[in-house]
Protein backbone atom coordinates (compact mmCIF):
# COMPACT_ATOMS: atom_id res chain seq x y z
CA UNK A 1 -19.43 1.54 -94.91
CA UNK A 2 -20.91 -0.16 -91.86
CA UNK A 3 -18.93 -2.07 -89.25
CA UNK A 4 -20.52 -5.31 -90.54
CA UNK A 5 -19.78 -4.76 -94.26
CA UNK A 6 -17.75 -7.32 -96.13
CA UNK A 7 -14.62 -6.06 -97.86
CA UNK A 8 -15.23 -8.07 -101.01
CA UNK A 9 -12.63 -9.70 -103.21
CA UNK A 10 -9.08 -8.37 -102.93
CA UNK A 11 -6.92 -7.49 -105.89
CA UNK A 12 -4.55 -10.25 -106.88
CA UNK A 13 -1.51 -8.24 -105.77
CA UNK A 14 -2.90 -7.21 -102.37
CA UNK A 15 -2.44 -9.23 -99.20
CA UNK A 16 -4.12 -8.07 -96.00
CA UNK A 17 -3.29 -9.50 -92.58
CA UNK A 18 -5.84 -9.51 -89.76
CA UNK A 19 -8.74 -10.33 -92.03
CA UNK A 20 -11.26 -9.91 -89.22
CA UNK A 21 -10.32 -6.28 -88.62
CA UNK A 22 -11.82 -3.46 -90.66
CA UNK A 23 -10.02 -0.09 -90.49
CA UNK A 24 -12.38 2.82 -91.18
CA UNK A 25 -10.69 6.18 -91.86
CA UNK A 26 -12.37 9.60 -91.48
CA UNK A 27 -10.36 12.40 -93.10
CA UNK A 28 -10.92 15.93 -91.79
CA UNK A 29 -11.38 18.86 -94.10
CA UNK A 30 -13.49 17.12 -96.70
CA UNK A 31 -15.52 19.50 -98.84
CA UNK A 32 -18.55 17.27 -98.26
CA UNK A 33 -21.22 18.64 -95.95
CA UNK A 34 -23.22 16.48 -93.57
CA UNK A 35 -22.20 12.84 -93.14
CA UNK A 36 -18.66 12.11 -94.35
CA UNK A 37 -18.35 8.48 -95.40
CA UNK A 38 -15.73 6.33 -93.70
CA UNK A 39 -13.31 4.76 -96.13
CA UNK A 40 -11.53 1.43 -95.73
CA UNK A 41 -8.40 1.08 -97.83
CA UNK A 42 -6.88 -2.36 -98.34
CA UNK A 43 -3.48 -0.67 -98.16
CA UNK A 44 -3.74 -0.88 -94.35
CA UNK A 45 -2.08 -3.99 -92.96
CA UNK A 46 -2.39 -3.14 -89.26
CA UNK A 47 -2.96 -0.33 -86.78
CA UNK A 48 -1.10 -0.54 -83.46
CA UNK A 49 -1.20 1.90 -80.58
CA UNK A 50 1.00 2.63 -77.59
CA UNK A 51 -0.39 3.06 -74.08
CA UNK A 52 -1.38 6.58 -73.11
CA UNK A 53 1.46 8.46 -71.42
CA UNK A 54 1.21 11.57 -69.26
CA UNK A 55 3.47 14.58 -68.84
CA UNK A 56 3.19 16.85 -65.83
CA UNK A 57 4.44 20.42 -65.69
CA UNK A 58 4.52 22.67 -62.64
CA UNK A 59 4.09 26.43 -62.53
CA UNK A 60 4.77 28.50 -59.43
CA UNK A 61 2.78 31.70 -59.01
CA UNK A 62 3.52 34.39 -56.44
CA UNK A 63 0.31 35.27 -54.66
CA UNK A 64 1.56 38.24 -52.67
CA UNK A 65 1.58 38.34 -48.89
CA UNK A 66 4.17 35.58 -48.77
CA UNK A 67 1.97 32.80 -50.18
CA UNK A 68 2.78 30.99 -53.43
CA UNK A 69 0.43 28.92 -55.58
CA UNK A 70 1.58 25.81 -57.44
CA UNK A 71 -0.38 24.79 -60.55
CA UNK A 72 -0.08 21.35 -62.14
CA UNK A 73 -0.76 20.81 -65.84
CA UNK A 74 -1.12 17.21 -67.00
CA UNK A 75 -1.02 16.42 -70.71
CA UNK A 76 -1.60 13.06 -72.36
CA UNK A 77 -0.60 11.52 -75.65
CA UNK A 78 -0.24 8.17 -77.35
CA UNK A 79 1.43 6.98 -80.51
CA UNK A 80 -0.28 5.05 -83.31
CA UNK A 81 1.52 3.10 -86.04
CA UNK A 82 -0.29 2.48 -89.33
CA UNK A 83 1.40 -0.26 -91.37
CA UNK A 84 0.78 -0.24 -95.12
CA UNK A 85 2.39 -1.84 -98.13
CA UNK A 86 5.01 0.34 -99.82
CA UNK A 87 3.44 -0.04 -103.24
CA UNK A 88 0.26 1.61 -101.98
CA UNK A 89 1.91 4.26 -99.79
CA UNK A 90 1.69 7.26 -102.18
CA UNK A 91 -2.05 6.96 -102.78
CA UNK A 92 -2.86 6.26 -99.12
CA UNK A 93 -0.70 9.13 -97.88
CA UNK A 94 -2.25 11.53 -100.37
CA UNK A 95 -5.68 10.45 -99.12
CA UNK A 96 -4.74 11.12 -95.48
CA UNK A 97 -3.38 14.55 -96.41
CA UNK A 98 -6.50 15.44 -98.38
CA UNK A 99 -4.78 15.49 -101.77
CA UNK A 100 -7.69 14.05 -103.71
CA UNK A 101 -6.20 14.98 -107.09
CA UNK A 102 -2.95 13.06 -106.58
CA UNK A 103 -1.57 11.72 -109.89
CA UNK A 104 -0.10 12.89 -113.16
CA UNK A 105 -3.20 14.95 -113.99
CA UNK A 106 -3.36 16.59 -110.56
CA UNK A 107 -0.70 17.00 -107.86
CA UNK A 108 2.21 14.79 -108.87
CA UNK A 109 4.21 15.01 -105.63
CA UNK A 110 3.59 14.63 -101.89
CA UNK A 111 5.90 15.88 -99.14
CA UNK A 112 7.36 13.42 -96.63
CA UNK A 113 7.52 16.14 -94.00
CA UNK A 114 4.33 17.02 -92.20
CA UNK A 115 2.67 19.80 -90.27
CA UNK A 116 1.39 19.40 -86.71
CA UNK A 117 -2.27 19.38 -87.71
CA UNK A 118 -4.74 16.65 -86.75
CA UNK A 119 -5.74 15.20 -90.10
CA UNK A 120 -7.89 12.13 -89.54
CA UNK A 121 -9.55 9.61 -87.20
CA UNK A 122 -9.24 5.82 -87.44
CA UNK A 123 -11.83 3.35 -86.21
CA UNK A 124 -10.47 -0.22 -86.03
CA UNK A 125 -13.39 -2.65 -86.02
CA UNK A 126 -12.76 -6.06 -84.44
CA UNK A 127 -14.97 -8.94 -85.60
CA UNK A 128 -15.35 -12.67 -85.09
CA UNK A 129 -13.89 -15.10 -87.61
CA UNK A 130 -17.10 -14.92 -89.64
CA UNK A 131 -15.77 -11.46 -90.58
CA UNK A 132 -19.17 -9.91 -89.82
CA UNK A 133 -20.07 -10.27 -86.12
CA UNK A 134 -18.93 -7.10 -84.39
CA UNK A 135 -17.02 -7.54 -81.11
CA UNK A 136 -15.93 -3.95 -80.40
CA UNK A 137 -14.20 -1.00 -82.06
CA UNK A 138 -11.19 1.13 -81.13
CA UNK A 139 -11.11 4.80 -82.13
CA UNK A 140 -7.99 6.97 -82.37
CA UNK A 141 -9.08 10.57 -82.81
CA UNK A 142 -7.32 13.64 -84.18
CA UNK A 143 -4.25 11.84 -85.47
CA UNK A 144 -1.17 13.89 -86.42
CA UNK A 145 1.28 12.30 -88.89
CA UNK A 146 4.89 12.13 -87.68
CA UNK A 147 8.05 12.03 -89.87
CA UNK A 148 9.04 8.62 -91.22
CA UNK A 149 11.36 7.00 -93.74
CA UNK A 150 10.40 4.88 -96.73
CA UNK A 151 12.40 1.67 -97.33
CA UNK A 152 13.13 0.18 -100.72
CA UNK A 153 9.73 0.60 -102.36
CA UNK A 154 8.98 -2.99 -103.32
CA UNK A 155 5.24 -3.45 -103.34
CA UNK A 156 5.18 -6.08 -100.56
CA UNK A 157 7.52 -4.21 -98.18
CA UNK A 158 5.91 -2.78 -95.07
CA UNK A 159 5.98 0.95 -94.40
CA UNK A 160 5.01 2.23 -90.95
CA UNK A 161 3.31 5.63 -90.85
CA UNK A 162 3.70 6.93 -87.28
CA UNK A 163 1.02 9.21 -85.89
CA UNK A 164 0.33 10.89 -82.56
CA UNK A 165 -2.88 11.72 -80.75
CA UNK A 166 -3.27 14.02 -77.77
CA UNK A 167 -6.77 12.78 -76.97
CA UNK A 168 -8.29 9.67 -75.41
CA UNK A 169 -8.35 6.43 -77.38
CA UNK A 170 -11.93 5.15 -77.21
CA UNK A 171 -13.46 1.67 -77.11
CA UNK A 172 -16.95 1.36 -78.60
CA UNK A 173 -19.25 -1.53 -77.67
CA UNK A 174 -20.54 -4.12 -80.12
CA UNK A 175 -23.35 -2.73 -82.26
CA UNK A 176 -21.97 0.83 -82.18
CA UNK A 177 -20.01 2.68 -84.83
CA UNK A 178 -18.39 6.08 -85.26
CA UNK A 179 -19.90 8.83 -87.40
CA UNK A 180 -17.97 11.87 -88.61
CA UNK A 181 -19.98 14.82 -89.93
CA UNK A 182 -19.13 18.35 -90.89
CA UNK A 183 -21.17 21.42 -91.71
CA UNK A 184 -20.59 24.90 -93.07
CA UNK A 185 -21.23 27.81 -90.71
CA UNK A 186 -22.93 30.88 -92.16
CA UNK A 187 -23.04 33.23 -89.17
CA UNK A 188 -26.77 32.77 -88.58
CA UNK A 189 -27.54 29.03 -88.41
CA UNK A 190 -27.46 27.75 -84.83
CA UNK A 191 -28.93 24.24 -85.26
CA UNK A 192 -27.42 21.47 -87.39
CA UNK A 193 -29.10 18.11 -88.02
CA UNK A 194 -26.86 15.10 -87.43
CA UNK A 195 -27.32 12.04 -89.68
CA UNK A 196 -28.14 9.80 -86.68
CA UNK A 197 -29.02 10.07 -83.00
CA UNK A 198 -25.81 10.12 -80.92
CA UNK A 199 -25.54 7.43 -78.27
CA UNK A 200 -24.65 8.23 -74.65
CA UNK A 201 -20.94 7.53 -74.41
CA UNK A 202 -20.16 7.42 -70.72
CA UNK A 203 -20.88 8.83 -67.29
CA UNK A 204 -18.96 12.10 -67.19
CA UNK A 205 -18.76 11.99 -63.39
CA UNK A 206 -16.50 8.91 -63.53
CA UNK A 207 -12.83 8.94 -64.53
CA UNK A 208 -11.04 11.48 -66.71
CA UNK A 209 -13.81 13.47 -68.37
CA UNK A 210 -11.70 16.44 -69.45
CA UNK A 211 -11.61 15.27 -73.06
CA UNK A 212 -15.35 14.72 -73.47
CA UNK A 213 -18.16 17.03 -74.50
CA UNK A 214 -21.60 16.63 -72.98
CA UNK A 215 -21.95 12.83 -72.92
CA UNK A 216 -23.02 12.22 -76.50
CA UNK A 217 -20.14 13.62 -78.59
CA UNK A 218 -16.55 12.45 -78.85
CA UNK A 219 -15.78 15.94 -80.07
CA UNK A 220 -17.37 19.01 -81.62
CA UNK A 221 -14.94 21.45 -83.22
CA UNK A 222 -15.36 24.74 -85.03
CA UNK A 223 -12.71 25.69 -87.56
CA UNK A 224 -12.77 29.37 -88.50
CA UNK A 225 -11.76 30.40 -92.01
CA UNK A 226 -8.59 31.96 -90.58
CA UNK A 227 -7.63 28.85 -88.56
CA UNK A 228 -5.58 25.86 -89.58
CA UNK A 229 -7.15 23.69 -86.88
CA UNK A 230 -10.61 23.51 -85.36
CA UNK A 231 -11.15 24.39 -81.69
CA UNK A 232 -12.95 21.90 -79.46
CA UNK A 233 -16.19 23.29 -78.09
CA UNK A 234 -16.54 22.64 -74.35
CA UNK A 235 -19.64 24.78 -73.79
CA UNK A 236 -22.34 26.66 -75.68
CA UNK A 237 -23.66 23.56 -77.44
CA UNK A 238 -26.48 21.11 -76.71
CA UNK A 239 -27.83 17.85 -78.16
CA UNK A 240 -31.50 16.89 -78.49
CA UNK A 241 -32.20 13.87 -80.69
CA UNK A 242 -30.37 14.56 -83.93
CA UNK A 243 -30.20 18.34 -83.34
CA UNK A 244 -26.87 19.93 -82.47
CA UNK A 245 -27.57 23.48 -81.28
CA UNK A 246 -25.09 26.29 -80.66
CA UNK A 247 -25.85 29.17 -78.31
CA UNK A 248 -24.03 31.44 -80.78
CA UNK A 249 -24.06 30.67 -84.49
CA UNK A 250 -20.69 29.53 -85.91
CA UNK A 251 -19.17 32.32 -88.00
CA UNK A 252 -19.64 32.58 -91.75
CA UNK A 253 -16.99 30.56 -93.54
CA UNK A 254 -16.36 28.30 -90.55
CA UNK A 255 -16.58 24.51 -90.57
CA UNK A 256 -18.26 22.49 -87.79
CA UNK A 257 -16.69 19.04 -87.28
CA UNK A 258 -18.46 16.41 -85.17
CA UNK A 259 -17.48 12.86 -84.18
CA UNK A 260 -19.97 10.70 -82.30
CA UNK A 261 -21.25 7.12 -82.04
CA UNK A 262 -24.51 5.71 -83.38
CA UNK A 263 -26.25 2.35 -83.20
CA UNK A 264 -25.31 0.13 -86.13
CA UNK A 265 -28.29 -0.45 -88.41
């Protein structure tokens, strides 16, 4: 699904506000290798985000010889609220949690308590009133679902799914769109071919660059078979054209997860 795609006719019982906004969802952990298609679900009514907030902690270290060292750690986070219609909540929530077999012939129940794992990315695409001309996009990466309550489940009642991200929200320029890809590590392969050439994202010498990798990837993570969550790779990788190369091959059974931006075709 491209940022300029039309959504088509809606079902008779579905009403979507903000008709000029397309919400593209990338779910982590898909079994699909290579490019993972973004999915827009008409269950989404709106996506709203809080400003980024910062927490600072201080640690005092004794240096010996009478001198002490004070270390500052600054963490950031922001909340994101995904509003959906109650009648479509179960299917949408199962999708976010990766329960692709949700239903009476698969998994019939879904918990309303959640782990602290980053499950998905959302790209909100803002367009002109022609519903096609791209203005810009807003990306919320590595979203973690927070606890929430479900009101009386009438189909047209709003339900707000709260989520949290500990990484930068990102604005993409017109004509650019996010791409999420993942690959299987085998312990010997060091180069993986991306489905498109990543665009340069920003000048890493300006502003807060701690969250960025190289200047062409929003993130590159490697999830080992023994891990619940992938680890962001800050070194040992390089980009040349569509080639993502690791200095050391990702271990057998691992999953490489990559989020970047490409030029819209």
